[in-house]
C-alpha atoms as a PDB file:
ATOM      1  CA  LEU A   1      39.934  95.085 117.178  1.00  0.00           C
ATOM      2  CA  ILE A   2      41.880  96.372 120.187  1.00  0.00           C
ATOM      3  CA  ALA A   3      43.551  92.964 120.625  1.00  0.00           C
ATOM      4  CA  THR A   4      44.671  92.991 117.000  1.00  0.00           C
ATOM      5  CA  LEU A   5      46.060  96.463 117.409  1.00  0.00           C
ATOM      6  CA  VAL A   6      48.036  95.474 120.520  1.00  0.00           C
ATOM      7  CA  LEU A   7      49.297  92.317 118.843  1.00  0.00           C
ATOM      8  CA  SER A   8      50.329  94.359 115.732  1.00  0.00           C
ATOM      9  CA  VAL A   9      52.283  96.827 117.882  1.00  0.00           C
ATOM     10  CA  GLY A  10      53.944  93.939 119.686  1.00  0.00           C
ATOM     11  CA  LEU A  11      54.984  92.231 116.449  1.00  0.00           C
ATOM     12  CA  LEU A  12      56.311  95.454 115.047  1.00  0.00           C
ATOM     13  CA  GLY A  13      58.432  95.997 118.153  1.00  0.00           C
ATOM     14  CA  ALA A  14      59.729  92.416 117.995  1.00  0.00           C
ATOM     15  CA  THR A  15      60.673  92.860 114.314  1.00  0.00           C
ATOM     16  CA  VAL A  16      62.542  96.123 115.140  1.00  0.00           C
ATOM     17  CA  LEU A  17      64.401  94.375 118.002  1.00  0.00           C
ATOM     18  CA  GLN A  18      65.310  91.478 115.704  1.00  0.00           C
ATOM     19  CA  ALA A  19      66.790  93.877 113.098  1.00  0.00           C
ATOM     20  CA  GLN A  20      68.779  95.682 115.840  1.00  0.00           C
ATOM     21  CA  ALA A  21      70.046  92.387 117.186  1.00  0.00           C
ATOM     22  CA  GLN A  22      71.219  91.321 113.690  1.00  0.00           C
ATOM     23  CA  ALA A  23      72.989  94.627 113.175  1.00  0.00           C
ATOM     24  CA  ALA A  24      74.681  94.367 116.549  1.00  0.00           C
ATOM     25  CA  ALA A  25      75.742  90.806 115.801  1.00  0.00           C
ATOM     26  CA  GLN A  26      77.240  91.871 112.451  1.00  0.00           C
ATOM     27  CA  HIS A  27      79.133  94.711 114.089  1.00  0.00           C
ATOM     28  CA  ALA A  28      80.442  92.316 116.771  1.00  0.00           C
ATOM     29  CA  ASP A  29      81.648  90.000 114.034  1.00  0.00           C
ATOM     30  CA  TRP A  30      83.455  92.883 112.304  1.00  0.00           C
ATOM     31  CA  GLN A  31      85.083  93.873 115.644  1.00  0.00           C
ATOM     32  CA  HIS A  32      86.231  90.272 116.133  1.00  0.00           C
ATOM     33  CA  GLN A  33      87.722  90.159 112.634  1.00  0.00           C
ATOM     34  CA  ALA A  34      89.432  93.443 113.214  1.00  0.00           C
ATOM     35  CA  LEU A  35      90.916  92.310 116.509  1.00  0.00           C
ATOM     36  CA  ARG A  36      92.040  88.986 115.058  1.00  0.00           C
ATOM     37  CA  SER A  37      93.678  90.737 112.134  1.00  0.00           C
ATOM     38  CA  ALA A  38      95.482  93.183 114.447  1.00  0.00           C
ATOM     39  CA  GLN A  39      96.714  90.335 116.591  1.00  0.00           C
ATOM     40  CA  ASP A  40      98.003  88.502 113.532  1.00  0.00           C
ATOM     41  CA  MET A  41      99.965  91.592 112.502  1.00  0.00           C
ATOM     42  CA  ALA A  42     101.271  92.008 116.058  1.00  0.00           C
ATOM     43  CA  GLN A  43     102.521  88.405 115.944  1.00  0.00           C
ATOM     44  CA  ALA A  44     104.211  89.069 112.605  1.00  0.00           C
ATOM     45  CA  MET A  45     106.010  92.034 114.034  1.00  0.00           C
ATOM     46  CA  ARG A  46     107.117  90.127 117.114  1.00  0.00           C
ATOM     47  CA  SER A  47     108.533  87.349 114.905  1.00  0.00           C
ATOM     48  CA  ASN A  48     110.629  90.001 112.938  1.00  0.00           C
ATOM     49  CA  PRO A  49     112.131  92.279 115.619  1.00  0.00           C
ATOM     50  CA  LEU A  50     115.054  93.324 113.449  1.00  0.00           C
ATOM     51  CA  ALA A  51     112.742  94.864 110.832  1.00  0.00           C
ATOM     52  CA  LEU A  52     110.670  96.545 113.639  1.00  0.00           C
ATOM     53  CA  GLU A  53     113.801  98.179 115.044  1.00  0.00           C
ATOM     54  CA  GLN A  54     114.735  99.402 111.590  1.00  0.00           C
ATOM     55  CA  GLY A  55     111.298 101.039 111.242  1.00  0.00           C
ATOM     56  CA  ALA A  56     110.005  98.736 108.518  1.00  0.00           C
ATOM     57  CA  TYR A  57     106.608  98.107 110.191  1.00  0.00           C
ATOM     58  CA  THR A  58     105.142 101.554 109.522  1.00  0.00           C
ATOM     59  CA  ALA A  59     102.278 102.383 107.260  1.00  0.00           C
ATOM     60  CA  PRO A  60     100.752 105.615 108.632  1.00  0.00           C
ATOM     61  CA  GLU A  61      98.329 106.308 105.730  1.00  0.00           C
ATOM     62  CA  PRO A  62      95.450 103.804 105.616  1.00  0.00           C
ATOM     63  CA  ASP A  63      94.674 104.584 101.949  1.00  0.00           C
ATOM     64  CA  ALA A  64      98.217 104.493 100.678  1.00  0.00           C
ATOM     65  CA  ALA A  65      99.365 101.505  98.677  1.00  0.00           C
ATOM     66  CA  GLN A  66     102.117  99.509 100.395  1.00  0.00           C
ATOM     67  CA  PRO A  67     105.112  98.949  98.103  1.00  0.00           C
ATOM     68  CA  ALA A  68     105.088  95.454  96.761  1.00  0.00           C
ATOM     69  CA  SER A  69     107.869  93.219  98.139  1.00  0.00           C
ATOM     70  CA  SER A  70     110.361  92.323  95.410  1.00  0.00           C
ATOM     71  CA  GLN A  71     110.599  88.785  96.815  1.00  0.00           C
ATOM     72  CA  ALA A  72     107.982  86.129  97.110  1.00  0.00           C
ATOM     73  CA  CYS A  73     108.242  85.805 100.904  1.00  0.00           C
ATOM     74  CA  ASP A  74     105.598  83.037 100.954  1.00  0.00           C
ATOM     75  CA  THR A  75     107.806  80.658  98.928  1.00  0.00           C
ATOM     76  CA  SER A  76     111.374  81.685  99.648  1.00  0.00           C
ATOM     77  CA  PRO A  77     113.381  83.359 102.472  1.00  0.00           C
ATOM     78  CA  CYS A  78     113.271  87.150 102.671  1.00  0.00           C
ATOM     79  CA  ASP A  79     115.425  89.664 104.361  1.00  0.00           C
ATOM     80  CA  PRO A  80     113.718  91.300 107.395  1.00  0.00           C
ATOM     81  CA  VAL A  81     112.669  94.457 105.679  1.00  0.00           C
ATOM     82  CA  ALA A  82     111.233  92.673 102.651  1.00  0.00           C
ATOM     83  CA  ARG A  83     109.364  90.342 105.062  1.00  0.00           C
ATOM     84  CA  ALA A  84     107.911  93.409 106.830  1.00  0.00           C
ATOM     85  CA  GLN A  85     106.716  94.894 103.564  1.00  0.00           C
ATOM     86  CA  HIS A  86     105.231  91.612 102.579  1.00  0.00           C
ATOM     87  CA  ASP A  87     103.515  91.224 105.991  1.00  0.00           C
ATOM     88  CA  VAL A  88     101.997  94.767 105.799  1.00  0.00           C
ATOM     89  CA  GLN A  89     100.898  94.245 102.169  1.00  0.00           C
ATOM     90  CA  GLN A  90      99.218  90.914 103.050  1.00  0.00           C
ATOM     91  CA  TRP A  91      97.611  92.419 106.240  1.00  0.00           C
ATOM     92  CA  ARG A  92      96.072  95.265 104.265  1.00  0.00           C
ATOM     93  CA  GLN A  93      94.823  92.878 101.608  1.00  0.00           C
ATOM     94  CA  ARG A  94      93.154  90.683 104.253  1.00  0.00           C
ATOM     95  CA  LEU A  95      91.510  93.759 105.816  1.00  0.00           C
ATOM     96  CA  ALA A  96      90.113  94.858 102.497  1.00  0.00           C
ATOM     97  CA  GLU A  97      88.667  91.423 101.885  1.00  0.00           C
ATOM     98  CA  SER A  98      87.244  90.694 105.361  1.00  0.00           C
ATOM     99  CA  LEU A  99      85.808  94.062 106.349  1.00  0.00           C
ATOM    100  CA  PRO A 100      83.522  96.565 104.582  1.00  0.00           C
ATOM    101  CA  HIS A 101      86.004  99.092 103.160  1.00  0.00           C
ATOM    102  CA  GLY A 102      88.655  97.605 105.487  1.00  0.00           C
ATOM    103  CA  ARG A 103      91.858  99.619 105.954  1.00  0.00           C
ATOM    104  CA  GLY A 104      94.836  99.510 108.251  1.00  0.00           C
ATOM    105  CA  ALA A 105      97.518 101.894 109.564  1.00  0.00           C
ATOM    106  CA  LEU A 106     100.683 101.202 111.491  1.00  0.00           C
ATOM    107  CA  LEU A 107     102.021 104.069 113.462  1.00  0.00           C
ATOM    108  CA  ALA A 108     105.475 104.262 115.148  1.00  0.00           C
ATOM    109  CA  GLU A 109     105.085 105.089 118.822  1.00  0.00           C
ATOM    110  CA  GLY A 110     108.666 104.268 119.712  1.00  0.00           C
ATOM    111  CA  PRO A 111     111.643 102.225 118.478  1.00  0.00           C
ATOM    112  CA  THR A 112     109.898  98.932 119.212  1.00  0.00           C
ATOM    113  CA  GLN A 113     106.318 100.082 119.766  1.00  0.00           C
ATOM    114  CA  ARG A 114     103.631 100.351 117.183  1.00  0.00           C
ATOM    115  CA  ARG A 115      99.938 101.337 117.137  1.00  0.00           C
ATOM    116  CA  LEU A 116      97.852  99.230 114.834  1.00  0.00           C
ATOM    117  CA  VAL A 117      94.585 100.846 113.707  1.00  0.00           C
ATOM    118  CA  VAL A 118      92.045  98.788 111.852  1.00  0.00           C
ATOM    119  CA  MET A 119      89.176 100.707 110.179  1.00  0.00           C
ATOM    120  CA  TRP A 120      85.981  99.634 108.453  1.00  0.00           C
ATOM    121  CA  GLN A 121      82.934 101.453 107.228  1.00  0.00           C
ATOM    122  CA  PRO A 122      79.718  99.778 108.453  1.00  0.00           C
ATOM    123  CA  PRO A 123      76.433 100.571 106.716  1.00  0.00           C
ATOM    124  CA  GLN A 124      75.208 102.277 109.880  1.00  0.00           C
ATOM    125  CA  ARG A 125      77.411 104.411 112.076  1.00  0.00           C
ATOM    126  CA  ASN A 126      78.236 103.020 115.513  1.00  0.00           C
ATOM    127  CA  GLU A 127      79.162 105.695 118.042  1.00  0.00           C
ATOM    128  CA  SER A 128      80.860 103.267 120.385  1.00  0.00           C
ATOM    129  CA  THR A 129      83.571 102.439 117.884  1.00  0.00           C
ATOM    130  CA  ALA A 130      83.795 105.607 115.849  1.00  0.00           C
ATOM    131  CA  CYS A 131      87.254 106.596 114.713  1.00  0.00           C
ATOM    132  CA  PRO A 132      88.956 109.509 116.581  1.00  0.00           C
ATOM    133  CA  ALA A 133      90.627 112.307 114.561  1.00  0.00           C
ATOM    134  CA  PRO A 134      92.506 112.156 112.153  1.00  0.00           C
ATOM    135  CA  TRP A 135      90.674 109.081 110.843  1.00  0.00           C
ATOM    136  CA  PRO A 136      87.416 109.250 108.933  1.00  0.00           C
ATOM    137  CA  SER A 137      84.532 109.842 111.367  1.00  0.00           C
ATOM    138  CA  ASP A 138      82.157 107.621 109.506  1.00  0.00           C
ATOM    139  CA  PHE A 139      84.353 104.626 109.953  1.00  0.00           C
ATOM    140  CA  SER A 140      84.615 102.287 112.963  1.00  0.00           C
ATOM    141  CA  CYS A 141      88.083 101.768 114.460  1.00  0.00           C
ATOM    142  CA  LEU A 142      89.937  99.269 116.545  1.00  0.00           C
ATOM    143  CA  SER A 143      93.265 100.419 117.944  1.00  0.00           C
ATOM    144  CA  LEU A 144      95.896  98.087 119.412  1.00  0.00           C
ATOM    145  CA  GLU A 145      99.286  99.037 120.922  1.00  0.00           C
ATOM    146  CA  VAL A 146     102.121  96.581 120.415  1.00  0.00           C
ATOM    147  CA  TRP A 147     105.492  96.476 122.180  1.00  0.00           C
ATOM    148  CA  VAL A 148     108.152  94.075 121.172  1.00  0.00           C
END
């Protein structure tokens, strides 16, 4: 009877550890997706420095809809500002599709410097990646500074 009790406690502990490991692996995957997405946006900004200098790569409100580009930049050439709008719109769409409640913000830190903030809302709060103010505290954040 005692051996069964000890075995049961051990199995319960192993089950809890397995669940925690799966949650940690999922969170690591979301962090990876957020970083990859931020790097993709950074590369888009570096490839369009004229629009960056004109302030086109800014989207400070993560919930705000980005104005749709009037041109189809995937199939035809765009001017730099329209390309930037298209890039931001596509970036936010990918975030919404790849992360739970995925959002993104682009903040101007200087003429050719931007802070990219990728946010997502995991089912369980993770203190290590919690968003600082003014972002929602129940979201996880990844912040990346980009200089061009």
